[in-house]
N, C-alpha and C. Protein backbone atom coordinates (compact mmCIF):
# COMPACT_ATOMS: atom_id res chain seq x y z
N UNK A 1 -12.25 -20.42 13.88
CA UNK A 1 -11.53 -19.17 13.94
C UNK A 1 -12.36 -18.21 14.79
N UNK A 2 -11.76 -17.66 15.79
CA UNK A 2 -12.44 -16.69 16.64
C UNK A 2 -12.68 -15.40 15.86
N UNK A 3 -13.68 -14.65 16.29
CA UNK A 3 -14.02 -13.39 15.61
C UNK A 3 -12.82 -12.45 15.55
N UNK A 4 -12.06 -12.38 16.64
CA UNK A 4 -10.87 -11.52 16.66
C UNK A 4 -9.87 -11.94 15.58
N UNK A 5 -9.66 -13.25 15.47
CA UNK A 5 -8.75 -13.77 14.44
C UNK A 5 -9.29 -13.51 13.04
N UNK A 6 -10.60 -13.64 12.88
CA UNK A 6 -11.22 -13.36 11.59
C UNK A 6 -10.99 -11.90 11.20
N UNK A 7 -11.15 -10.99 12.14
CA UNK A 7 -10.94 -9.58 11.86
C UNK A 7 -9.49 -9.31 11.46
N UNK A 8 -8.53 -9.94 12.17
CA UNK A 8 -7.11 -9.78 11.82
C UNK A 8 -6.84 -10.31 10.41
N UNK A 9 -7.43 -11.45 10.09
CA UNK A 9 -7.27 -12.04 8.77
C UNK A 9 -7.82 -11.10 7.69
N UNK A 10 -9.01 -10.58 7.91
CA UNK A 10 -9.62 -9.68 6.92
C UNK A 10 -8.84 -8.39 6.77
N UNK A 11 -8.28 -7.88 7.86
CA UNK A 11 -7.44 -6.68 7.78
C UNK A 11 -6.19 -6.95 6.95
N UNK A 12 -5.60 -8.13 7.15
CA UNK A 12 -4.39 -8.46 6.39
C UNK A 12 -4.72 -8.59 4.90
N UNK A 13 -5.83 -9.23 4.59
CA UNK A 13 -6.24 -9.37 3.19
C UNK A 13 -6.46 -7.99 2.57
N UNK A 14 -7.08 -7.09 3.31
CA UNK A 14 -7.29 -5.73 2.80
C UNK A 14 -5.96 -5.04 2.55
N UNK A 15 -5.01 -5.19 3.47
CA UNK A 15 -3.68 -4.60 3.29
C UNK A 15 -2.99 -5.19 2.07
N UNK A 16 -3.09 -6.50 1.89
CA UNK A 16 -2.47 -7.15 0.73
C UNK A 16 -3.09 -6.65 -0.57
N UNK A 17 -4.41 -6.48 -0.59
CA UNK A 17 -5.08 -5.96 -1.79
C UNK A 17 -4.62 -4.55 -2.10
N UNK A 18 -4.48 -3.72 -1.07
CA UNK A 18 -3.99 -2.35 -1.29
C UNK A 18 -2.55 -2.36 -1.79
N UNK A 19 -1.74 -3.27 -1.25
CA UNK A 19 -0.35 -3.39 -1.70
C UNK A 19 -0.30 -3.78 -3.18
N UNK A 20 -1.10 -4.75 -3.57
CA UNK A 20 -1.14 -5.17 -4.97
C UNK A 20 -1.58 -4.01 -5.86
N UNK A 21 -2.59 -3.28 -5.45
CA UNK A 21 -3.04 -2.13 -6.24
C UNK A 21 -1.90 -1.11 -6.41
N UNK A 22 -1.13 -0.91 -5.34
CA UNK A 22 -0.05 0.08 -5.40
C UNK A 22 1.05 -0.34 -6.36
N UNK A 23 1.20 -1.64 -6.60
CA UNK A 23 2.22 -2.11 -7.54
C UNK A 23 1.94 -1.61 -8.95
N UNK A 24 0.68 -1.46 -9.27
CA UNK A 24 0.28 -0.98 -10.60
C UNK A 24 0.20 0.53 -10.66
N UNK A 25 0.05 1.17 -9.51
CA UNK A 25 -0.16 2.62 -9.48
C UNK A 25 1.12 3.43 -9.26
N UNK A 26 2.11 2.85 -8.60
CA UNK A 26 3.31 3.60 -8.24
C UNK A 26 4.52 2.99 -8.95
N UNK A 27 5.15 3.80 -9.80
CA UNK A 27 6.30 3.33 -10.58
C UNK A 27 7.40 2.79 -9.68
N UNK A 28 7.96 1.67 -10.08
CA UNK A 28 9.11 1.09 -9.40
C UNK A 28 8.79 0.11 -8.30
N UNK A 29 7.56 0.12 -7.81
CA UNK A 29 7.22 -0.77 -6.69
C UNK A 29 7.27 -2.24 -7.10
N UNK A 30 6.74 -2.55 -8.25
CA UNK A 30 6.72 -3.95 -8.69
C UNK A 30 8.15 -4.49 -8.79
N UNK A 31 9.04 -3.69 -9.35
CA UNK A 31 10.44 -4.11 -9.49
C UNK A 31 11.09 -4.30 -8.12
N UNK A 32 10.87 -3.35 -7.20
CA UNK A 32 11.46 -3.48 -5.87
C UNK A 32 10.95 -4.71 -5.15
N UNK A 33 9.66 -4.99 -5.28
CA UNK A 33 9.09 -6.18 -4.63
C UNK A 33 9.67 -7.45 -5.24
N UNK A 34 9.87 -7.46 -6.55
CA UNK A 34 10.39 -8.65 -7.22
C UNK A 34 11.85 -8.93 -6.83
N UNK A 35 12.54 -7.92 -6.31
CA UNK A 35 13.93 -8.11 -5.88
C UNK A 35 14.04 -8.75 -4.49
N UNK A 36 12.94 -8.84 -3.78
CA UNK A 36 12.97 -9.47 -2.45
C UNK A 36 13.18 -10.97 -2.60
N UNK A 37 14.01 -11.53 -1.71
CA UNK A 37 14.32 -12.96 -1.77
C UNK A 37 13.66 -13.76 -0.64
N UNK A 38 13.22 -13.08 0.40
CA UNK A 38 12.63 -13.78 1.54
C UNK A 38 11.32 -13.12 1.95
N UNK A 39 10.54 -13.86 2.70
CA UNK A 39 9.28 -13.34 3.24
C UNK A 39 9.56 -12.12 4.11
N UNK A 40 10.62 -12.19 4.89
CA UNK A 40 10.97 -11.08 5.79
C UNK A 40 11.27 -9.80 5.01
N UNK A 41 11.96 -9.94 3.89
CA UNK A 41 12.25 -8.77 3.05
C UNK A 41 10.96 -8.16 2.51
N UNK A 42 10.03 -9.00 2.10
CA UNK A 42 8.75 -8.51 1.59
C UNK A 42 8.00 -7.76 2.69
N UNK A 43 7.95 -8.35 3.89
CA UNK A 43 7.25 -7.73 5.01
C UNK A 43 7.87 -6.38 5.36
N UNK A 44 9.20 -6.31 5.39
CA UNK A 44 9.87 -5.05 5.71
C UNK A 44 9.63 -3.98 4.64
N UNK A 45 9.68 -4.38 3.38
CA UNK A 45 9.43 -3.43 2.30
C UNK A 45 7.99 -2.93 2.36
N UNK A 46 7.07 -3.84 2.57
CA UNK A 46 5.66 -3.46 2.67
C UNK A 46 5.45 -2.51 3.85
N UNK A 47 6.11 -2.78 4.95
CA UNK A 47 6.01 -1.89 6.13
C UNK A 47 6.54 -0.51 5.79
N UNK A 48 7.65 -0.46 5.06
CA UNK A 48 8.22 0.82 4.63
C UNK A 48 7.21 1.61 3.79
N UNK A 49 6.40 0.90 3.02
CA UNK A 49 5.39 1.53 2.18
C UNK A 49 4.10 1.81 2.95
N UNK A 50 4.03 1.41 4.22
CA UNK A 50 2.85 1.71 5.03
C UNK A 50 1.84 0.59 5.17
N UNK A 51 2.23 -0.62 4.78
CA UNK A 51 1.33 -1.76 4.87
C UNK A 51 1.75 -2.68 6.00
N UNK A 52 0.77 -3.22 6.71
CA UNK A 52 1.02 -4.13 7.82
C UNK A 52 0.59 -5.53 7.41
N UNK A 53 1.53 -6.32 6.86
CA UNK A 53 1.18 -7.65 6.36
C UNK A 53 1.95 -8.75 7.07
N UNK A 54 2.70 -8.41 8.12
CA UNK A 54 3.60 -9.38 8.72
C UNK A 54 2.98 -10.37 9.67
N UNK A 55 1.94 -9.96 10.38
CA UNK A 55 1.38 -10.84 11.41
C UNK A 55 0.39 -11.82 10.80
N UNK A 56 0.52 -13.07 11.21
CA UNK A 56 -0.44 -14.09 10.78
C UNK A 56 -1.64 -14.08 11.70
N UNK A 57 -2.76 -14.54 11.23
CA UNK A 57 -4.01 -14.37 11.98
C UNK A 57 -4.02 -15.09 13.33
N UNK A 58 -3.24 -16.09 13.56
CA UNK A 58 -3.21 -16.78 14.84
C UNK A 58 -2.18 -16.24 15.81
N UNK A 59 -1.34 -15.32 15.37
CA UNK A 59 -0.26 -14.78 16.18
C UNK A 59 -0.74 -13.63 17.06
N UNK A 60 -0.05 -13.47 18.16
CA UNK A 60 -0.37 -12.36 19.08
C UNK A 60 0.64 -11.28 18.98
């Protein structure tokens, strides 16, 4: 894994950790996330909440 890809991976993990924390801190988020049926729905909802979790570490 190139350093650039490693940095992208670590950024995504950090975003995912913040998203998980927000599920416990902000009422209704856990329920809204559980209503998603596809990966794309999760990514769009997370983006709406300010998280960037859509790009995979090997993608440009």
